[in-house]
Amino acid sequence: AFFASSIGERETLGTAARSYYEAN
């Protein structure tokens, strides 16, 4: 499912990951 997702969807996941790191 992950590898079938679009670049935009992965970008959203990556942005969320980075934001969570910065907060915690």
PDB file of all heavy atoms in Angstrom:
ATOM      1  N   ALA A   1       0.832  -1.207   0.000  1.00  0.00           N
ATOM      2  CA  ALA A   1       0.000   0.000   0.000  1.00  0.00           C
ATOM      3  C   ALA A   1       0.865   1.254   0.000  1.00  0.00           C
ATOM      4  O   ALA A   1       0.567   2.233  -0.701  1.00  0.00           O
ATOM      5  CB  ALA A   1      -0.922  -0.007   1.216  1.00  0.00           C
ATOM      6  N   PHE A   2       1.940   1.212   0.764  1.00  0.00           N
ATOM      7  CA  PHE A   2       2.821   2.388   0.797  1.00  0.00           C
ATOM      8  C   PHE A   2       3.443   2.642  -0.575  1.00  0.00           C
ATOM      9  O   PHE A   2       3.420   3.767  -1.083  1.00  0.00           O
ATOM     10  CB  PHE A   2       3.917   2.213   1.840  1.00  0.00           C
ATOM     11  CG  PHE A   2       4.946   3.315   1.787  1.00  0.00           C
ATOM     12  CD1 PHE A   2       4.689   4.546   2.351  1.00  0.00           C
ATOM     13  CD2 PHE A   2       6.158   3.128   1.124  1.00  0.00           C
ATOM     14  CE1 PHE A   2       5.615   5.580   2.272  1.00  0.00           C
ATOM     15  CE2 PHE A   2       7.090   4.146   1.038  1.00  0.00           C
ATOM     16  CZ  PHE A   2       6.816   5.374   1.615  1.00  0.00           C
ATOM     17  N   PHE A   3       4.019   1.612  -1.163  1.00  0.00           N
ATOM     18  CA  PHE A   3       4.716   1.816  -2.438  1.00  0.00           C
ATOM     19  C   PHE A   3       3.754   2.098  -3.595  1.00  0.00           C
ATOM     20  O   PHE A   3       4.170   2.619  -4.627  1.00  0.00           O
ATOM     21  CB  PHE A   3       5.614   0.617  -2.736  1.00  0.00           C
ATOM     22  CG  PHE A   3       6.832   0.562  -1.866  1.00  0.00           C
ATOM     23  CD1 PHE A   3       6.983  -0.451  -0.912  1.00  0.00           C
ATOM     24  CD2 PHE A   3       7.821   1.523  -1.959  1.00  0.00           C
ATOM     25  CE1 PHE A   3       8.097  -0.497  -0.091  1.00  0.00           C
ATOM     26  CE2 PHE A   3       8.943   1.493  -1.135  1.00  0.00           C
ATOM     27  CZ  PHE A   3       9.075   0.479  -0.201  1.00  0.00           C
ATOM     28  N   ALA A   4       2.477   1.779  -3.379  1.00  0.00           N
ATOM     29  CA  ALA A   4       1.475   2.106  -4.396  1.00  0.00           C
ATOM     30  C   ALA A   4       0.951   3.532  -4.246  1.00  0.00           C
ATOM     31  O   ALA A   4       0.245   4.031  -5.133  1.00  0.00           O
ATOM     32  CB  ALA A   4       0.310   1.125  -4.313  1.00  0.00           C
ATOM     33  N   SER A   5       1.288   4.191  -3.144  1.00  0.00           N
ATOM     34  CA  SER A   5       0.795   5.546  -2.908  1.00  0.00           C
ATOM     35  C   SER A   5       1.516   6.550  -3.802  1.00  0.00           C
ATOM     36  O   SER A   5       2.597   6.282  -4.335  1.00  0.00           O
ATOM     37  CB  SER A   5       0.976   5.932  -1.437  1.00  0.00           C
ATOM     38  OG  SER A   5       2.349   6.001  -1.097  1.00  0.00           O
ATOM     39  N   SER A   6       0.921   7.719  -3.932  1.00  0.00           N
ATOM     40  CA  SER A   6       1.492   8.753  -4.801  1.00  0.00           C
ATOM     41  C   SER A   6       2.621   9.496  -4.105  1.00  0.00           C
ATOM     42  O   SER A   6       2.769   9.438  -2.874  1.00  0.00           O
ATOM     43  CB  SER A   6       0.406   9.754  -5.185  1.00  0.00           C
ATOM     44  OG  SER A   6       0.004  10.510  -4.053  1.00  0.00           O
ATOM     45  N   ILE A   7       3.410  10.206  -4.896  1.00  0.00           N
ATOM     46  CA  ILE A   7       4.477  11.032  -4.334  1.00  0.00           C
ATOM     47  C   ILE A   7       3.890  12.063  -3.377  1.00  0.00           C
ATOM     48  O   ILE A   7       4.447  12.333  -2.307  1.00  0.00           O
ATOM     49  CB  ILE A   7       5.262  11.742  -5.464  1.00  0.00           C
ATOM     50  CG1 ILE A   7       6.006  10.713  -6.310  1.00  0.00           C
ATOM     51  CG2 ILE A   7       6.246  12.755  -4.879  1.00  0.00           C
ATOM     52  CD1 ILE A   7       7.062   9.925  -5.566  1.00  0.00           C
ATOM     53  N   GLY A   8       2.741  12.626  -3.728  1.00  0.00           N
ATOM     54  CA  GLY A   8       2.103  13.609  -2.859  1.00  0.00           C
ATOM     55  C   GLY A   8       1.704  13.027  -1.518  1.00  0.00           C
ATOM     56  O   GLY A   8       1.870  13.667  -0.477  1.00  0.00           O
ATOM     57  N   GLU A   9       1.174  11.803  -1.545  1.00  0.00           N
ATOM     58  CA  GLU A   9       0.793  11.155  -0.291  1.00  0.00           C
ATOM     59  C   GLU A   9       2.014  10.890   0.576  1.00  0.00           C
ATOM     60  O   GLU A   9       1.989  11.094   1.800  1.00  0.00           O
ATOM     61  CB  GLU A   9       0.061   9.846  -0.596  1.00  0.00           C
ATOM     62  CG  GLU A   9      -1.333  10.052  -1.179  1.00  0.00           C
ATOM     63  CD  GLU A   9      -1.949   8.758  -1.683  1.00  0.00           C
ATOM     64  OE1 GLU A   9      -1.213   7.925  -2.267  1.00  0.00           O
ATOM     65  OE2 GLU A   9      -3.157   8.588  -1.496  1.00  0.00           O
ATOM     66  N   ARG A  10       3.096  10.472  -0.034  1.00  0.00           N
ATOM     67  CA  ARG A  10       4.326  10.220   0.737  1.00  0.00           C
ATOM     68  C   ARG A  10       4.902  11.526   1.275  1.00  0.00           C
ATOM     69  O   ARG A  10       5.470  11.570   2.370  1.00  0.00           O
ATOM     70  CB  ARG A  10       5.353   9.506  -0.135  1.00  0.00           C
ATOM     71  CG  ARG A  10       4.906   8.128  -0.569  1.00  0.00           C
ATOM     72  CD  ARG A  10       6.016   7.409  -1.288  1.00  0.00           C
ATOM     73  NE  ARG A  10       5.503   6.449  -2.239  1.00  0.00           N
ATOM     74  CZ  ARG A  10       6.253   5.717  -3.035  1.00  0.00           C
ATOM     75  NH1 ARG A  10       7.576   5.848  -3.001  1.00  0.00           N
ATOM     76  NH2 ARG A  10       5.710   4.848  -3.866  1.00  0.00           N
ATOM     77  N   GLU A  11       4.764  12.603   0.496  1.00  0.00           N
ATOM     78  CA  GLU A  11       5.237  13.909   0.951  1.00  0.00           C
ATOM     79  C   GLU A  11       4.483  14.340   2.206  1.00  0.00           C
ATOM     80  O   GLU A  11       5.063  14.882   3.148  1.00  0.00           O
ATOM     81  CB  GLU A  11       5.034  14.946  -0.162  1.00  0.00           C
ATOM     82  CG  GLU A  11       5.829  16.226   0.022  1.00  0.00           C
ATOM     83  CD  GLU A  11       7.320  16.018  -0.230  1.00  0.00           C
ATOM     84  OE1 GLU A  11       7.697  15.505  -1.290  1.00  0.00           O
ATOM     85  OE2 GLU A  11       8.094  16.377   0.685  1.00  0.00           O
ATOM     86  N   THR A  12       3.185  14.070   2.228  1.00  0.00           N
ATOM     87  CA  THR A  12       2.377  14.394   3.400  1.00  0.00           C
ATOM     88  C   THR A  12       2.846  13.610   4.619  1.00  0.00           C
ATOM     89  O   THR A  12       2.958  14.154   5.729  1.00  0.00           O
ATOM     90  CB  THR A  12       0.889  14.098   3.122  1.00  0.00           C
ATOM     91  OG1 THR A  12       0.444  14.921   2.045  1.00  0.00           O
ATOM     92  CG2 THR A  12       0.035  14.374   4.354  1.00  0.00           C
ATOM     93  N   LEU A  13       3.121  12.316   4.434  1.00  0.00           N
ATOM     94  CA  LEU A  13       3.625  11.487   5.533  1.00  0.00           C
ATOM     95  C   LEU A  13       4.975  12.002   6.020  1.00  0.00           C
ATOM     96  O   LEU A  13       5.226  12.076   7.233  1.00  0.00           O
ATOM     97  CB  LEU A  13       3.747  10.035   5.086  1.00  0.00           C
ATOM     98  CG  LEU A  13       2.457   9.293   4.735  1.00  0.00           C
ATOM     99  CD1 LEU A  13       2.783   7.901   4.199  1.00  0.00           C
ATOM    100  CD2 LEU A  13       1.538   9.196   5.938  1.00  0.00           C
ATOM    101  N   GLY A  14       5.870  12.355   5.088  1.00  0.00           N
ATOM    102  CA  GLY A  14       7.182  12.848   5.460  1.00  0.00           C
ATOM    103  C   GLY A  14       7.110  14.169   6.211  1.00  0.00           C
ATOM    104  O   GLY A  14       7.844  14.384   7.188  1.00  0.00           O
ATOM    105  N   THR A  15       6.236  15.054   5.770  1.00  0.00           N
ATOM    106  CA  THR A  15       6.073  16.340   6.453  1.00  0.00           C
ATOM    107  C   THR A  15       5.557  16.141   7.872  1.00  0.00           C
ATOM    108  O   THR A  15       6.012  16.791   8.817  1.00  0.00           O
ATOM    109  CB  THR A  15       5.105  17.237   5.657  1.00  0.00           C
ATOM    110  OG1 THR A  15       5.643  17.480   4.359  1.00  0.00           O
ATOM    111  CG2 THR A  15       4.876  18.566   6.368  1.00  0.00           C
ATOM    112  N   ALA A  16       4.606  15.207   8.037  1.00  0.00           N
ATOM    113  CA  ALA A  16       4.080  14.910   9.369  1.00  0.00           C
ATOM    114  C   ALA A  16       5.172  14.328  10.266  1.00  0.00           C
ATOM    115  O   ALA A  16       5.259  14.655  11.455  1.00  0.00           O
ATOM    116  CB  ALA A  16       2.914  13.937   9.260  1.00  0.00           C
ATOM    117  N   ALA A  17       6.015  13.459   9.688  1.00  0.00           N
ATOM    118  CA  ALA A  17       7.118  12.871  10.458  1.00  0.00           C
ATOM    119  C   ALA A  17       8.055  13.953  10.965  1.00  0.00           C
ATOM    120  O   ALA A  17       8.432  13.983  12.142  1.00  0.00           O
ATOM    121  CB  ALA A  17       7.876  11.872   9.590  1.00  0.00           C
ATOM    122  N   ARG A  18       8.457  14.842  10.076  1.00  0.00           N
ATOM    123  CA  ARG A  18       9.385  15.910  10.447  1.00  0.00           C
ATOM    124  C   ARG A  18       8.776  16.837  11.510  1.00  0.00           C
ATOM    125  O   ARG A  18       9.446  17.226  12.468  1.00  0.00           O
ATOM    126  CB  ARG A  18       9.763  16.702   9.195  1.00  0.00           C
ATOM    127  CG  ARG A  18      10.639  17.921   9.447  1.00  0.00           C
ATOM    128  CD  ARG A  18      12.032  17.553   9.913  1.00  0.00           C
ATOM    129  NE  ARG A  18      12.777  18.749  10.272  1.00  0.00           N
ATOM    130  CZ  ARG A  18      14.048  18.771  10.657  1.00  0.00           C
ATOM    131  NH1 ARG A  18      14.723  17.636  10.763  1.00  0.00           N
ATOM    132  NH2 ARG A  18      14.644  19.896  10.974  1.00  0.00           N
ATOM    133  N   SER A  19       7.508  17.169  11.385  1.00  0.00           N
ATOM    134  CA  SER A  19       6.844  18.039  12.361  1.00  0.00           C
ATOM    135  C   SER A  19       6.806  17.380  13.737  1.00  0.00           C
ATOM    136  O   SER A  19       6.995  18.044  14.764  1.00  0.00           O
ATOM    137  CB  SER A  19       5.416  18.364  11.898  1.00  0.00           C
ATOM    138  OG  SER A  19       5.436  19.107  10.692  1.00  0.00           O
ATOM    139  N   TYR A  20       6.568  16.076  13.755  1.00  0.00           N
ATOM    140  CA  TYR A  20       6.514  15.356  15.031  1.00  0.00           C
ATOM    141  C   TYR A  20       7.901  15.330  15.681  1.00  0.00           C
ATOM    142  O   TYR A  20       8.028  15.475  16.904  1.00  0.00           O
ATOM    143  CB  TYR A  20       5.994  13.941  14.795  1.00  0.00           C
ATOM    144  CG  TYR A  20       5.483  13.265  16.040  1.00  0.00           C
ATOM    145  CD1 TYR A  20       4.376  13.763  16.709  1.00  0.00           C
ATOM    146  CD2 TYR A  20       6.096  12.130  16.536  1.00  0.00           C
ATOM    147  CE1 TYR A  20       3.897  13.143  17.851  1.00  0.00           C
ATOM    148  CE2 TYR A  20       5.624  11.504  17.673  1.00  0.00           C
ATOM    149  CZ  TYR A  20       4.522  12.015  18.328  1.00  0.00           C
ATOM    150  OH  TYR A  20       4.060  11.396  19.472  1.00  0.00           O
ATOM    151  N   TYR A  21       8.931  15.144  14.885  1.00  0.00           N
ATOM    152  CA  TYR A  21      10.296  15.216  15.414  1.00  0.00           C
ATOM    153  C   TYR A  21      10.563  16.584  16.034  1.00  0.00           C
ATOM    154  O   TYR A  21      11.072  16.690  17.158  1.00  0.00           O
ATOM    155  CB  TYR A  21      11.319  14.947  14.299  1.00  0.00           C
ATOM    156  CG  TYR A  21      12.713  15.419  14.655  1.00  0.00           C
ATOM    157  CD1 TYR A  21      13.498  14.705  15.558  1.00  0.00           C
ATOM    158  CD2 TYR A  21      13.229  16.606  14.124  1.00  0.00           C
ATOM    159  CE1 TYR A  21      14.760  15.161  15.924  1.00  0.00           C
ATOM    160  CE2 TYR A  21      14.486  17.056  14.477  1.00  0.00           C
ATOM    161  CZ  TYR A  21      15.252  16.337  15.375  1.00  0.00           C
ATOM    162  OH  TYR A  21      16.491  16.792  15.741  1.00  0.00           O
ATOM    163  N   GLU A  22      10.244  17.628  15.323  1.00  0.00           N
ATOM    164  CA  GLU A  22      10.544  18.983  15.792  1.00  0.00           C
ATOM    165  C   GLU A  22       9.821  19.308  17.096  1.00  0.00           C
ATOM    166  O   GLU A  22      10.326  20.074  17.921  1.00  0.00           O
ATOM    167  CB  GLU A  22      10.170  19.999  14.716  1.00  0.00           C
ATOM    168  CG  GLU A  22      11.085  19.940  13.491  1.00  0.00           C
ATOM    169  CD  GLU A  22      10.631  20.840  12.358  1.00  0.00           C
ATOM    170  OE1 GLU A  22       9.483  21.348  12.434  1.00  0.00           O
ATOM    171  OE2 GLU A  22      11.412  21.040  11.402  1.00  0.00           O
ATOM    172  N   ALA A  23       8.662  18.709  17.301  1.00  0.00           N
ATOM    173  CA  ALA A  23       7.887  18.980  18.503  1.00  0.00           C
ATOM    174  C   ALA A  23       8.346  18.168  19.713  1.00  0.00           C
ATOM    175  O   ALA A  23       8.108  18.581  20.861  1.00  0.00           O
ATOM    176  CB  ALA A  23       6.410  18.704  18.246  1.00  0.00           C
ATOM    177  N   ASN A  24       9.009  17.032  19.486  1.00  0.00           N
ATOM    178  CA  ASN A  24       9.248  16.106  20.599  1.00  0.00           C
ATOM    179  C   ASN A  24      10.672  15.612  20.792  1.00  0.00           C
ATOM    180  O   ASN A  24      11.045  15.235  21.910  1.00  0.00           O
ATOM    181  CB  ASN A  24       8.348  14.868  20.416  1.00  0.00           C
ATOM    182  CG  ASN A  24       6.889  15.190  20.480  1.00  0.00           C
ATOM    183  OD1 ASN A  24       6.317  15.365  21.554  1.00  0.00           O
ATOM    184  ND2 ASN A  24       6.245  15.280  19.310  1.00  0.00           N
TER     185      ASN A  24
END
